[in-house]
Every structure is written in structure tokens, then in C-alpha cells.
PDB file of N, CA and C in Angstrom:
ATOM      1  N   MET A   1     123.562  86.439  67.416  1.00  0.00           N
ATOM      2  CA  MET A   1     123.204  87.365  68.824  1.00  0.00           C
ATOM      3  C   MET A   1     122.878  86.520  69.909  1.00  0.00           C
ATOM      4  N   ILE A   2     122.176  85.326  69.851  1.00  0.00           N
ATOM      5  CA  ILE A   2     121.736  84.496  70.884  1.00  0.00           C
ATOM      6  C   ILE A   2     123.028  83.934  71.278  1.00  0.00           C
ATOM      7  N   GLN A   3     123.831  83.429  70.517  1.00  0.00           N
ATOM      8  CA  GLN A   3     125.112  82.872  70.839  1.00  0.00           C
ATOM      9  C   GLN A   3     125.879  83.727  71.649  1.00  0.00           C
ATOM     10  N   SER A   4     126.146  84.908  71.421  1.00  0.00           N
ATOM     11  CA  SER A   4     126.844  85.908  72.039  1.00  0.00           C
ATOM     12  C   SER A   4     126.216  86.148  73.462  1.00  0.00           C
ATOM     13  N   LEU A   5     124.807  86.222  73.553  1.00  0.00           N
ATOM     14  CA  LEU A   5     124.347  86.320  74.849  1.00  0.00           C
ATOM     15  C   LEU A   5     124.656  85.264  75.891  1.00  0.00           C
ATOM     16  N   LEU A   6     124.495  84.043  75.271  1.00  0.00           N
ATOM     17  CA  LEU A   6     124.769  82.728  76.137  1.00  0.00           C
ATOM     18  C   LEU A   6     126.278  82.652  76.502  1.00  0.00           C
ATOM     19  N   VAL A   7     127.268  83.056  75.623  1.00  0.00           N
ATOM     20  CA  VAL A   7     128.462  83.076  75.938  1.00  0.00           C
ATOM     21  C   VAL A   7     128.838  84.054  77.138  1.00  0.00           C
ATOM     22  N   ILE A   8     128.346  85.283  76.832  1.00  0.00           N
ATOM     23  CA  ILE A   8     128.548  86.420  77.959  1.00  0.00           C
ATOM     24  C   ILE A   8     127.772  85.914  79.380  1.00  0.00           C
ATOM     25  N   ALA A   9     126.648  85.377  79.300  1.00  0.00           N
ATOM     26  CA  ALA A   9     126.014  84.766  80.469  1.00  0.00           C
ATOM     27  C   ALA A   9     126.830  83.814  81.124  1.00  0.00           C
ATOM     28  N   LEU A  10     127.233  82.704  80.366  1.00  0.00           N
ATOM     29  CA  LEU A  10     128.224  81.649  81.045  1.00  0.00           C
ATOM     30  C   LEU A  10     129.414  82.464  81.555  1.00  0.00           C
ATOM     31  N   GLY A  11     130.140  83.230  80.864  1.00  0.00           N
ATOM     32  CA  GLY A  11     131.242  83.809  81.241  1.00  0.00           C
ATOM     33  C   GLY A  11     131.074  84.762  82.612  1.00  0.00           C
ATOM     34  N   GLY A  12     129.857  85.430  82.390  1.00  0.00           N
ATOM     35  CA  GLY A  12     129.550  86.187  83.779  1.00  0.00           C
ATOM     36  C   GLY A  12     129.338  85.108  85.107  1.00  0.00           C
ATOM     37  N   ALA A  13     128.683  84.244  84.807  1.00  0.00           N
ATOM     38  CA  ALA A  13     128.329  83.379  85.905  1.00  0.00           C
ATOM     39  C   ALA A  13     129.661  82.811  86.437  1.00  0.00           C
ATOM     40  N   LEU A  14     130.506  82.265  85.497  1.00  0.00           N
ATOM     41  CA  LEU A  14     131.992  81.883  85.983  1.00  0.00           C
ATOM     42  C   LEU A  14     132.600  83.039  86.656  1.00  0.00           C
ATOM     43  N   GLY A  15     132.698  84.190  86.054  1.00  0.00           N
ATOM     44  CA  GLY A  15     133.396  85.377  86.667  1.00  0.00           C
ATOM     45  C   GLY A  15     133.031  85.775  87.982  1.00  0.00           C
ATOM     46  N   ALA A  16     131.660  85.838  88.316  1.00  0.00           N
ATOM     47  CA  ALA A  16     131.278  86.098  89.411  1.00  0.00           C
ATOM     48  C   ALA A  16     131.421  85.104  90.639  1.00  0.00           C
ATOM     49  N   MET A  17     131.400  83.737  90.254  1.00  0.00           N
ATOM     50  CA  MET A  17     131.800  82.602  91.134  1.00  0.00           C
ATOM     51  C   MET A  17     133.320  82.878  91.475  1.00  0.00           C
ATOM     52  N   ALA A  18     134.294  83.137  90.623  1.00  0.00           N
ATOM     53  CA  ALA A  18     135.582  83.227  90.681  1.00  0.00           C
ATOM     54  C   ALA A  18     135.691  84.540  91.761  1.00  0.00           C
ATOM     55  N   ARG A  19     135.051  85.534  91.365  1.00  0.00           N
ATOM     56  CA  ARG A  19     135.357  86.745  92.249  1.00  0.00           C
ATOM     57  C   ARG A  19     134.927  86.506  93.585  1.00  0.00           C
ATOM     58  N   PHE A  20     133.843  85.829  93.887  1.00  0.00           N
ATOM     59  CA  PHE A  20     133.225  85.466  95.248  1.00  0.00           C
ATOM     60  C   PHE A  20     134.238  84.583  95.903  1.00  0.00           C
ATOM     61  N   GLY A  21     134.674  83.406  95.127  1.00  0.00           N
ATOM     62  CA  GLY A  21     135.589  82.575  95.758  1.00  0.00           C
ATOM     63  C   GLY A  21     137.002  83.237  96.140  1.00  0.00           C
ATOM     64  N   LEU A  22     137.603  83.786  95.269  1.00  0.00           N
ATOM     65  CA  LEU A  22     138.692  84.546  95.565  1.00  0.00           C
ATOM     66  C   LEU A  22     138.641  85.724  96.665  1.00  0.00           C
ATOM     67  N   GLY A  23     137.538  86.518  96.639  1.00  0.00           N
ATOM     68  CA  GLY A  23     137.305  87.491  97.772  1.00  0.00           C
ATOM     69  C   GLY A  23     137.089  86.787  98.920  1.00  0.00           C
ATOM     70  N   GLN A  24     136.456  85.659  99.036  1.00  0.00           N
ATOM     71  CA  GLN A  24     136.324  84.844 100.528  1.00  0.00           C
ATOM     72  C   GLN A  24     137.461  84.463 100.891  1.00  0.00           C
ATOM     73  N   GLY A  25     138.234  83.933 100.033  1.00  0.00           N
ATOM     74  CA  GLY A  25     139.643  83.266 100.401  1.00  0.00           C
ATOM     75  C   GLY A  25     140.705  84.433 100.868  1.00  0.00           C
ATOM     76  N   VAL A  26     140.654  85.380 100.222  1.00  0.00           N
ATOM     77  CA  VAL A  26     141.726  86.408 100.664  1.00  0.00           C
ATOM     78  C   VAL A  26     141.238  87.090 102.075  1.00  0.00           C
ATOM     79  N   ALA A  27     139.820  87.171 102.295  1.00  0.00           N
ATOM     80  CA  ALA A  27     139.333  87.724 103.473  1.00  0.00           C
ATOM     81  C   ALA A  27     139.487  86.787 104.680  1.00  0.00           C
ATOM     82  N   THR A  28     139.521  85.596 104.214  1.00  0.00           N
ATOM     83  CA  THR A  28     139.805  84.664 105.429  1.00  0.00           C
ATOM     84  C   THR A  28     141.459  84.623 105.692  1.00  0.00           C
ATOM     85  N   LEU A  29     142.100  84.578 104.826  1.00  0.00           N
ATOM     86  CA  LEU A  29     143.602  84.505 104.940  1.00  0.00           C
ATOM     87  C   LEU A  29     144.081  85.623 105.491  1.00  0.00           C
ATOM     88  N   TRP A  30     143.632  86.909 105.208  1.00  0.00           N
ATOM     89  CA  TRP A  30     144.077  88.174 105.558  1.00  0.00           C
ATOM     90  C   TRP A  30     143.058  89.117 106.055  1.00  0.00           C
ATOM     91  N   PRO A  31     142.431  88.929 107.210  1.00  0.00           N
ATOM     92  CA  PRO A  31     141.376  89.872 107.531  1.00  0.00           C
ATOM     93  C   PRO A  31     141.796  91.181 107.828  1.00  0.00           C
ATOM     94  N   GLY A  32     141.117  92.385 107.822  1.00  0.00           N
ATOM     95  CA  GLY A  32     141.670  93.609 108.396  1.00  0.00           C
ATOM     96  C   GLY A  32     140.746  94.534 107.658  1.00  0.00           C
ATOM     97  N   ALA A  33     140.952  95.879 107.622  1.00  0.00           N
ATOM     98  CA  ALA A  33     140.048  96.895 107.183  1.00  0.00           C
ATOM     99  C   ALA A  33     140.426  97.054 105.771  1.00  0.00           C
ATOM    100  N   PHE A  34     141.908  96.939 105.245  1.00  0.00           N
ATOM    101  CA  PHE A  34     142.209  97.308 103.917  1.00  0.00           C
ATOM    102  C   PHE A  34     141.503  96.116 103.073  1.00  0.00           C
ATOM    103  N   PRO A  35     140.824  96.436 101.892  1.00  0.00           N
ATOM    104  CA  PRO A  35     140.153  95.631 101.080  1.00  0.00           C
ATOM    105  C   PRO A  35     141.052  94.921  99.998  1.00  0.00           C
ATOM    106  N   LEU A  36     142.070  94.051 100.698  1.00  0.00           N
ATOM    107  CA  LEU A  36     142.955  93.298  99.674  1.00  0.00           C
ATOM    108  C   LEU A  36     142.239  92.628  98.681  1.00  0.00           C
ATOM    109  N   GLY A  37     141.293  91.888  98.994  1.00  0.00           N
ATOM    110  CA  GLY A  37     140.507  90.932  98.146  1.00  0.00           C
ATOM    111  C   GLY A  37     140.177  91.798  96.889  1.00  0.00           C
ATOM    112  N   THR A  38     139.538  92.901  97.077  1.00  0.00           N
ATOM    113  CA  THR A  38     139.049  93.781  95.899  1.00  0.00           C
ATOM    114  C   THR A  38     140.275  94.370  95.032  1.00  0.00           C
ATOM    115  N   LEU A  39     141.406  94.607  95.842  1.00  0.00           N
ATOM    116  CA  LEU A  39     142.730  95.107  95.154  1.00  0.00           C
ATOM    117  C   LEU A  39     143.145  93.979  94.286  1.00  0.00           C
ATOM    118  N   LEU A  40     143.320  92.666  94.808  1.00  0.00           N
ATOM    119  CA  LEU A  40     143.798  91.638  94.178  1.00  0.00           C
ATOM    120  C   LEU A  40     142.895  91.001  92.831  1.00  0.00           C
ATOM    121  N   ILE A  41     141.619  91.130  93.210  1.00  0.00           N
ATOM    122  CA  ILE A  41     140.736  90.872  92.215  1.00  0.00           C
ATOM    123  C   ILE A  41     140.931  91.865  90.796  1.00  0.00           C
ATOM    124  N   ASN A  42     140.985  93.055  91.182  1.00  0.00           N
ATOM    125  CA  ASN A  42     141.138  94.174  90.262  1.00  0.00           C
ATOM    126  C   ASN A  42     142.371  93.992  89.467  1.00  0.00           C
ATOM    127  N   LEU A  43     143.591  93.702  90.394  1.00  0.00           N
ATOM    128  CA  LEU A  43     144.753  93.487  89.642  1.00  0.00           C
ATOM    129  C   LEU A  43     144.956  92.434  88.662  1.00  0.00           C
ATOM    130  N   LEU A  44     144.346  91.328  89.022  1.00  0.00           N
ATOM    131  CA  LEU A  44     144.173  89.993  88.048  1.00  0.00           C
ATOM    132  C   LEU A  44     143.396  90.286  87.039  1.00  0.00           C
ATOM    133  N   GLY A  45     142.327  91.077  87.068  1.00  0.00           N
ATOM    134  CA  GLY A  45     141.270  91.241  86.027  1.00  0.00           C
ATOM    135  C   GLY A  45     141.985  92.248  85.069  1.00  0.00           C
ATOM    136  N   CYS A  46     142.684  93.196  85.544  1.00  0.00           N
ATOM    137  CA  CYS A  46     143.395  93.993  84.718  1.00  0.00           C
ATOM    138  C   CYS A  46     144.766  93.326  83.777  1.00  0.00           C
ATOM    139  N   LEU A  47     145.354  92.523  84.610  1.00  0.00           N
ATOM    140  CA  LEU A  47     146.207  91.766  83.999  1.00  0.00           C
ATOM    141  C   LEU A  47     145.684  90.790  82.887  1.00  0.00           C
ATOM    142  N   ALA A  48     144.467  90.265  83.320  1.00  0.00           N
ATOM    143  CA  ALA A  48     143.953  89.326  82.352  1.00  0.00           C
ATOM    144  C   ALA A  48     143.228  89.937  80.952  1.00  0.00           C
ATOM    145  N   ILE A  49     142.884  91.126  81.369  1.00  0.00           N
ATOM    146  CA  ILE A  49     142.252  91.847  80.129  1.00  0.00           C
ATOM    147  C   ILE A  49     143.458  92.466  79.170  1.00  0.00           C
ATOM    148  N   GLY A  50     144.496  92.764  79.689  1.00  0.00           N
ATOM    149  CA  GLY A  50     145.671  93.204  78.944  1.00  0.00           C
ATOM    150  C   GLY A  50     146.016  91.936  78.194  1.00  0.00           C
ATOM    151  N   VAL A  51     146.186  90.762  78.827  1.00  0.00           N
ATOM    152  CA  VAL A  51     146.667  89.583  78.089  1.00  0.00           C
ATOM    153  C   VAL A  51     145.687  89.218  76.843  1.00  0.00           C
ATOM    154  N   LEU A  52     144.431  89.264  77.025  1.00  0.00           N
ATOM    155  CA  LEU A  52     143.352  88.830  76.135  1.00  0.00           C
ATOM    156  C   LEU A  52     143.279  89.965  75.076  1.00  0.00           C
ATOM    157  N   TYR A  53     143.448  91.335  75.460  1.00  0.00           N
ATOM    158  CA  TYR A  53     143.355  92.312  74.460  1.00  0.00           C
ATOM    159  C   TYR A  53     144.452  92.195  73.454  1.00  0.00           C
ATOM    160  N   GLY A  54     145.681  91.853  74.080  1.00  0.00           N
ATOM    161  CA  GLY A  54     146.858  91.547  73.215  1.00  0.00           C
ATOM    162  C   GLY A  54     146.859  90.394  72.360  1.00  0.00           C
ATOM    163  N   ALA A  55     146.102  89.453  72.921  1.00  0.00           N
ATOM    164  CA  ALA A  55     145.954  88.170  72.109  1.00  0.00           C
ATOM    165  C   ALA A  55     145.019  88.397  70.929  1.00  0.00           C
ATOM    166  N   TRP A  56     144.108  89.229  71.088  1.00  0.00           N
ATOM    167  CA  TRP A  56     143.155  89.521  70.081  1.00  0.00           C
ATOM    168  C   TRP A  56     143.670  90.530  68.935  1.00  0.00           C
ATOM    169  N   LEU A  57     144.617  91.430  69.371  1.00  0.00           N
ATOM    170  CA  LEU A  57     145.349  92.290  68.604  1.00  0.00           C
ATOM    171  C   LEU A  57     146.245  91.639  67.588  1.00  0.00           C
ATOM    172  N   ASN A  58     147.071  90.539  68.258  1.00  0.00           N
ATOM    173  CA  ASN A  58     147.949  89.720  67.542  1.00  0.00           C
ATOM    174  C   ASN A  58     147.215  88.562  66.727  1.00  0.00           C
ATOM    175  N   ARG A  59     146.139  88.047  67.134  1.00  0.00           N
ATOM    176  CA  ARG A  59     145.507  86.835  66.458  1.00  0.00           C
ATOM    177  C   ARG A  59     144.164  87.344  66.006  1.00  0.00           C
ATOM    178  N   PRO A  60     143.730  88.120  65.202  1.00  0.00           N
ATOM    179  CA  PRO A  60     142.340  88.585  65.157  1.00  0.00           C
ATOM    180  C   PRO A  60     141.453  87.313  64.616  1.00  0.00           C
ATOM    181  N   GLU A  61     141.919  86.424  64.061  1.00  0.00           N
ATOM    182  CA  GLU A  61     141.136  85.215  63.657  1.00  0.00           C
ATOM    183  C   GLU A  61     140.617  84.533  64.880  1.00  0.00           C
ATOM    184  N   LEU A  62     140.931  84.836  66.139  1.00  0.00           N
ATOM    185  CA  LEU A  62     140.552  84.042  67.350  1.00  0.00           C
ATOM    186  C   LEU A  62     138.971  84.407  67.436  1.00  0.00           C
ATOM    187  N   SER A  63     138.335  83.573  67.901  1.00  0.00           N
ATOM    188  CA  SER A  63     136.869  83.532  67.964  1.00  0.00           C
ATOM    189  C   SER A  63     136.185  84.763  68.615  1.00  0.00           C
ATOM    190  N   PRO A  64     135.352  85.675  67.951  1.00  0.00           N
ATOM    191  CA  PRO A  64     134.804  86.664  68.819  1.00  0.00           C
ATOM    192  C   PRO A  64     133.813  86.161  69.847  1.00  0.00           C
ATOM    193  N   LEU A  65     133.162  85.028  69.717  1.00  0.00           N
ATOM    194  CA  LEU A  65     132.442  84.428  70.770  1.00  0.00           C
ATOM    195  C   LEU A  65     133.382  84.196  72.020  1.00  0.00           C
ATOM    196  N   LEU A  66     134.498  83.617  71.811  1.00  0.00           N
ATOM    197  CA  LEU A  66     135.228  83.424  73.021  1.00  0.00           C
ATOM    198  C   LEU A  66     135.673  84.831  73.638  1.00  0.00           C
ATOM    199  N   GLN A  67     135.999  85.949  72.656  1.00  0.00           N
ATOM    200  CA  GLN A  67     136.351  87.186  73.338  1.00  0.00           C
ATOM    201  C   GLN A  67     135.122  87.739  74.220  1.00  0.00           C
ATOM    202  N   GLN A  68     134.078  87.584  73.645  1.00  0.00           N
ATOM    203  CA  GLN A  68     132.823  88.214  74.274  1.00  0.00           C
ATOM    204  C   GLN A  68     132.722  87.373  75.629  1.00  0.00           C
ATOM    205  N   GLY A  69     132.676  86.076  75.592  1.00  0.00           N
ATOM    206  CA  GLY A  69     132.769  85.261  76.839  1.00  0.00           C
ATOM    207  C   GLY A  69     133.766  85.603  77.778  1.00  0.00           C
ATOM    208  N   LEU A  70     135.002  85.798  77.339  1.00  0.00           N
ATOM    209  CA  LEU A  70     136.031  86.085  78.421  1.00  0.00           C
ATOM    210  C   LEU A  70     136.031  87.560  78.908  1.00  0.00           C
ATOM    211  N   MET A  71     135.975  88.397  77.914  1.00  0.00           N
ATOM    212  CA  MET A  71     136.242  89.853  78.388  1.00  0.00           C
ATOM    213  C   MET A  71     135.031  90.586  78.672  1.00  0.00           C
ATOM    214  N   ILE A  72     133.926  90.270  78.069  1.00  0.00           N
ATOM    215  CA  ILE A  72     132.575  91.028  78.527  1.00  0.00           C
ATOM    216  C   ILE A  72     132.051  90.169  79.735  1.00  0.00           C
ATOM    217  N   GLY A  73     131.895  88.781  79.539  1.00  0.00           N
ATOM    218  CA  GLY A  73     131.284  87.947  80.421  1.00  0.00           C
ATOM    219  C   GLY A  73     132.020  87.721  81.729  1.00  0.00           C
ATOM    220  N   PHE A  74     133.082  87.092  81.611  1.00  0.00           N
ATOM    221  CA  PHE A  74     134.005  86.613  82.847  1.00  0.00           C
ATOM    222  C   PHE A  74     134.451  87.860  83.403  1.00  0.00           C
ATOM    223  N   LEU A  75     135.364  88.758  82.738  1.00  0.00           N
ATOM    224  CA  LEU A  75     135.973  89.636  83.473  1.00  0.00           C
ATOM    225  C   LEU A  75     135.044  90.833  83.650  1.00  0.00           C
ATOM    226  N   GLY A  76     133.887  91.017  82.892  1.00  0.00           N
ATOM    227  CA  GLY A  76     132.993  91.994  83.452  1.00  0.00           C
ATOM    228  C   GLY A  76     132.391  91.545  84.849  1.00  0.00           C
ATOM    229  N   ALA A  77     132.215  90.276  85.136  1.00  0.00           N
ATOM    230  CA  ALA A  77     131.770  89.942  86.399  1.00  0.00           C
ATOM    231  C   ALA A  77     132.906  89.677  87.398  1.00  0.00           C
ATOM    232  N   PHE A  78     133.988  89.574  87.032  1.00  0.00           N
ATOM    233  CA  PHE A  78     134.989  89.163  87.879  1.00  0.00           C
ATOM    234  C   PHE A  78     135.710  90.387  88.428  1.00  0.00           C
ATOM    235  N   THR A  79     136.129  91.430  87.729  1.00  0.00           N
ATOM    236  CA  THR A  79     136.585  92.601  88.320  1.00  0.00           C
ATOM    237  C   THR A  79     135.408  93.452  88.995  1.00  0.00           C
ATOM    238  N   THR A  80     136.048  94.235  89.853  1.00  0.00           N
ATOM    239  CA  THR A  80     135.146  94.727  91.006  1.00  0.00           C
ATOM    240  C   THR A  80     135.315  96.300  91.080  1.00  0.00           C
ATOM    241  N   PHE A  81     135.196  97.059  90.024  1.00  0.00           N
ATOM    242  CA  PHE A  81     135.532  98.523  90.234  1.00  0.00           C
ATOM    243  C   PHE A  81     134.371  99.164  90.935  1.00  0.00           C
ATOM    244  N   SER A  82     133.146  98.746  90.846  1.00  0.00           N
ATOM    245  CA  SER A  82     132.207  99.333  91.767  1.00  0.00           C
ATOM    246  C   SER A  82     132.388  98.972  93.295  1.00  0.00           C
ATOM    247  N   THR A  83     132.773  97.782  93.538  1.00  0.00           N
ATOM    248  CA  THR A  83     133.040  97.276  94.933  1.00  0.00           C
ATOM    249  C   THR A  83     134.468  98.263  95.474  1.00  0.00           C
ATOM    250  N   PHE A  84     135.279  98.364  94.518  1.00  0.00           N
ATOM    251  CA  PHE A  84     136.594  99.308  94.782  1.00  0.00           C
ATOM    252  C   PHE A  84     136.011 100.702  95.292  1.00  0.00           C
ATOM    253  N   SER A  85     135.079 101.041  94.578  1.00  0.00           N
ATOM    254  CA  SER A  85     134.377 102.464  95.020  1.00  0.00           C
ATOM    255  C   SER A  85     133.770 102.506  96.150  1.00  0.00           C
ATOM    256  N   LEU A  86     133.001 101.524  96.425  1.00  0.00           N
ATOM    257  CA  LEU A  86     132.426 101.291  97.616  1.00  0.00           C
ATOM    258  C   LEU A  86     133.267 101.131  98.742  1.00  0.00           C
ATOM    259  N   ASP A  87     134.371 100.237  98.670  1.00  0.00           N
ATOM    260  CA  ASP A  87     135.199 100.017  99.698  1.00  0.00           C
ATOM    261  C   ASP A  87     135.863 101.327 100.173  1.00  0.00           C
ATOM    262  N   ALA A  88     136.276 102.125  99.185  1.00  0.00           N
ATOM    263  CA  ALA A  88     137.019 103.465  99.284  1.00  0.00           C
ATOM    264  C   ALA A  88     136.089 104.288  99.981  1.00  0.00           C
ATOM    265  N   TRP A  89     134.650 104.470  99.612  1.00  0.00           N
ATOM    266  CA  TRP A  89     133.851 105.321 100.384  1.00  0.00           C
ATOM    267  C   TRP A  89     133.738 104.856 101.783  1.00  0.00           C
ATOM    268  N   ARG A  90     133.503 103.577 102.054  1.00  0.00           N
ATOM    269  CA  ARG A  90     133.347 103.101 103.455  1.00  0.00           C
ATOM    270  C   ARG A  90     134.514 103.435 104.277  1.00  0.00           C
ATOM    271  N   LEU A  91     135.688 103.533 103.700  1.00  0.00           N
ATOM    272  CA  LEU A  91     136.926 103.766 104.410  1.00  0.00           C
ATOM    273  C   LEU A  91     136.923 105.329 104.799  1.00  0.00           C
ATOM    274  N   LEU A  92     136.544 106.189 103.815  1.00  0.00           N
ATOM    275  CA  LEU A  92     136.155 107.717 104.117  1.00  0.00           C
ATOM    276  C   LEU A  92     135.105 107.692 105.215  1.00  0.00           C
ATOM    277  N   GLU A  93     134.018 106.980 104.964  1.00  0.00           N
ATOM    278  CA  GLU A  93     132.999 107.267 105.966  1.00  0.00           C
ATOM    279  C   GLU A  93     133.488 106.934 107.342  1.00  0.00           C
ATOM    280  N   THR A  94     134.260 106.103 107.633  1.00  0.00           N
ATOM    281  CA  THR A  94     134.706 105.693 108.895  1.00  0.00           C
ATOM    282  C   THR A  94     135.954 106.432 109.488  1.00  0.00           C
ATOM    283  N   GLY A  95     136.297 107.432 108.616  1.00  0.00           N
ATOM    284  CA  GLY A  95     137.179 108.363 108.997  1.00  0.00           C
ATOM    285  C   GLY A  95     138.783 107.848 108.672  1.00  0.00           C
ATOM    286  N   GLN A  96     138.935 107.062 107.957  1.00  0.00           N
ATOM    287  CA  GLN A  96     140.082 106.451 107.693  1.00  0.00           C
ATOM    288  C   GLN A  96     140.656 106.962 106.199  1.00  0.00           C
ATOM    289  N   SER A  97     140.790 108.373 106.291  1.00  0.00           N
ATOM    290  CA  SER A  97     140.951 109.000 104.925  1.00  0.00           C
ATOM    291  C   SER A  97     142.393 108.788 104.301  1.00  0.00           C
ATOM    292  N   LEU A  98     143.384 108.610 105.091  1.00  0.00           N
ATOM    293  CA  LEU A  98     144.684 108.126 104.590  1.00  0.00           C
ATOM    294  C   LEU A  98     144.656 106.784 103.965  1.00  0.00           C
ATOM    295  N   LEU A  99     144.037 105.889 104.634  1.00  0.00           N
ATOM    296  CA  LEU A  99     143.876 104.487 104.148  1.00  0.00           C
ATOM    297  C   LEU A  99     143.008 104.497 102.830  1.00  0.00           C
ATOM    298  N   ALA A 100     142.160 105.273 102.756  1.00  0.00           N
ATOM    299  CA  ALA A 100     141.401 105.442 101.518  1.00  0.00           C
ATOM    300  C   ALA A 100     141.955 105.880 100.481  1.00  0.00           C
ATOM    301  N   LEU A 101     142.877 106.982 100.576  1.00  0.00           N
ATOM    302  CA  LEU A 101     143.548 107.632  99.697  1.00  0.00           C
ATOM    303  C   LEU A 101     144.739 106.683  99.284  1.00  0.00           C
ATOM    304  N   GLY A 102     145.468 105.963 100.242  1.00  0.00           N
ATOM    305  CA  GLY A 102     146.385 105.062  99.654  1.00  0.00           C
ATOM    306  C   GLY A 102     145.834 103.895  98.845  1.00  0.00           C
ATOM    307  N   TYR A 103     144.594 103.466  99.102  1.00  0.00           N
ATOM    308  CA  TYR A 103     143.958 102.351  98.474  1.00  0.00           C
ATOM    309  C   TYR A 103     143.667 102.860  97.169  1.00  0.00           C
ATOM    310  N   VAL A 104     143.105 103.882  96.882  1.00  0.00           N
ATOM    311  CA  VAL A 104     142.662 104.490  95.576  1.00  0.00           C
ATOM    312  C   VAL A 104     144.002 104.570  94.826  1.00  0.00           C
ATOM    313  N   LEU A 105     144.977 105.317  95.256  1.00  0.00           N
ATOM    314  CA  LEU A 105     146.412 105.419  94.486  1.00  0.00           C
ATOM    315  C   LEU A 105     146.849 104.123  94.248  1.00  0.00           C
ATOM    316  N   LEU A 106     146.927 103.115  95.299  1.00  0.00           N
ATOM    317  CA  LEU A 106     147.546 101.855  94.875  1.00  0.00           C
ATOM    318  C   LEU A 106     146.774 101.131  93.988  1.00  0.00           C
ATOM    319  N   SER A 107     145.478 101.023  94.091  1.00  0.00           N
ATOM    320  CA  SER A 107     144.557 100.363  93.144  1.00  0.00           C
ATOM    321  C   SER A 107     144.595 100.821  91.670  1.00  0.00           C
ATOM    322  N   VAL A 108     144.552 102.159  91.609  1.00  0.00           N
ATOM    323  CA  VAL A 108     144.634 102.771  90.062  1.00  0.00           C
ATOM    324  C   VAL A 108     146.165 102.534  89.576  1.00  0.00           C
ATOM    325  N   CYS A 109     147.243 102.922  90.392  1.00  0.00           N
ATOM    326  CA  CYS A 109     148.483 102.653  89.745  1.00  0.00           C
ATOM    327  C   CYS A 109     148.839 101.105  89.416  1.00  0.00           C
ATOM    328  N   LEU A 110     148.601 100.270  90.347  1.00  0.00           N
ATOM    329  CA  LEU A 110     148.888  98.982  90.281  1.00  0.00           C
ATOM    330  C   LEU A 110     148.065  98.278  88.986  1.00  0.00           C
ATOM    331  N   CYS A 111     146.905  98.674  88.888  1.00  0.00           N
ATOM    332  CA  CYS A 111     145.867  98.182  87.947  1.00  0.00           C
ATOM    333  C   CYS A 111     146.395  98.688  86.531  1.00  0.00           C
ATOM    334  N   LEU A 112     146.787  99.889  86.416  1.00  0.00           N
ATOM    335  CA  LEU A 112     147.394 100.285  85.056  1.00  0.00           C
ATOM    336  C   LEU A 112     148.692  99.603  84.906  1.00  0.00           C
ATOM    337  N   ILE A 113     149.592  99.317  85.714  1.00  0.00           N
ATOM    338  CA  ILE A 113     150.705  98.520  85.671  1.00  0.00           C
ATOM    339  C   ILE A 113     150.318  97.204  85.098  1.00  0.00           C
ATOM    340  N   ALA A 114     149.396  96.587  85.845  1.00  0.00           N
ATOM    341  CA  ALA A 114     149.067  95.088  85.576  1.00  0.00           C
ATOM    342  C   ALA A 114     148.371  94.877  84.038  1.00  0.00           C
ATOM    343  N   THR A 115     147.647  96.154  83.756  1.00  0.00           N
ATOM    344  CA  THR A 115     147.153  96.006  82.386  1.00  0.00           C
ATOM    345  C   THR A 115     148.318  96.162  81.248  1.00  0.00           C
ATOM    346  N   TRP A 116     149.266  96.992  81.534  1.00  0.00           N
ATOM    347  CA  TRP A 116     150.381  97.159  80.746  1.00  0.00           C
ATOM    348  C   TRP A 116     151.164  95.896  80.654  1.00  0.00           C
ATOM    349  N   ALA A 117     151.324  95.179  81.624  1.00  0.00           N
ATOM    350  CA  ALA A 117     152.205  93.920  81.910  1.00  0.00           C
ATOM    351  C   ALA A 117     151.440  92.751  80.982  1.00  0.00           C
ATOM    352  N   GLY A 118     150.057  92.897  81.183  1.00  0.00           N
ATOM    353  CA  GLY A 118     149.375  91.824  80.132  1.00  0.00           C
ATOM    354  C   GLY A 118     149.592  92.005  78.946  1.00  0.00           C
ATOM    355  N   LEU A 119     149.649  93.225  78.430  1.00  0.00           N
ATOM    356  CA  LEU A 119     149.836  93.466  77.052  1.00  0.00           C
ATOM    357  C   LEU A 119     151.346  93.286  76.537  1.00  0.00           C
ATOM    358  N   MET A 120     152.128  93.467  77.616  1.00  0.00           N
ATOM    359  CA  MET A 120     153.662  93.078  77.156  1.00  0.00           C
ATOM    360  C   MET A 120     153.755  91.686  77.126  1.00  0.00           C
ATOM    361  N   LEU A 121     153.005  90.739  77.890  1.00  0.00           N
ATOM    362  CA  LEU A 121     153.190  89.412  77.693  1.00  0.00           C
ATOM    363  C   LEU A 121     152.721  88.684  76.489  1.00  0.00           C
ATOM    364  N   THR A 122     151.814  89.713  75.593  1.00  0.00           N
ATOM    365  CA  THR A 122     151.615  89.043  74.296  1.00  0.00           C
ATOM    366  C   THR A 122     152.291  89.704  73.245  1.00  0.00           C
ATOM    367  N   ARG A 123     153.182  90.631  73.355  1.00  0.00           N
ATOM    368  CA  ARG A 123     153.899  91.270  72.444  1.00  0.00           C
ATOM    369  C   ARG A 123     155.442  90.639  72.226  1.00  0.00           C
TER     370      ARG A 123
END
């Protein structure tokens, strides 16, 4: 149990740092109202969780600790669904309803496709 907590904590710290770094980098390169950094992070997180889930389906002998560290720790901190919700809400609050709707639809559809693509990469 203590090993699980440690690998999840380590993965979470690394995932949070990766999220921050990528988010800052995207915001610097492409400033604007549309939350592109959050969308990109969610897409990458969905692709990664699809790949990892597929890997563990195909190779159940892989370490459960590694799975916990990557899927619960790293991706749990890296993906930003709560930030996605806040970004959409902020667009709505500022009267940008059409942009908010586009962001929500684009995020959900592309993230489902990215998860599917990640699974297909392992099959």
C-alpha cells in the first residue's frame, strides 16, 4: 500500500509539472481567449490513457505499481478536465457562448477520438 501511494505521489508531481510547463508554453506561443493549452493537454492525456490501458489489456504482467504511477498519478495530475470546465464557464460568463460551445464540443469529440487512437495503437 505504501509503495502504491509513493508511486502515485511521484507520478502526480511529475504530471502536474508537465501540465504546468505545457500549458505555459502553449499560452506563450498562442495567446488568446480560446483555451488551447487545456485542449491540447486533455487530448494528449486521453491519447496516453488509451495507449496505457491498451498496454495493460495486452500485457497484464506489467507492473501494477507502474500502472498506478502513470495512470492514477501522472495522468490524474496532467489532464485538466476541471480546468476545462472552468475555461468553458469563463467563456460563458464573458458572453462568448458560441466559443464556449465550440470549445466543449471540440474537446469532448477530439478527446474521445484521441482515447480511441491510443487504444488502436496498442492493438
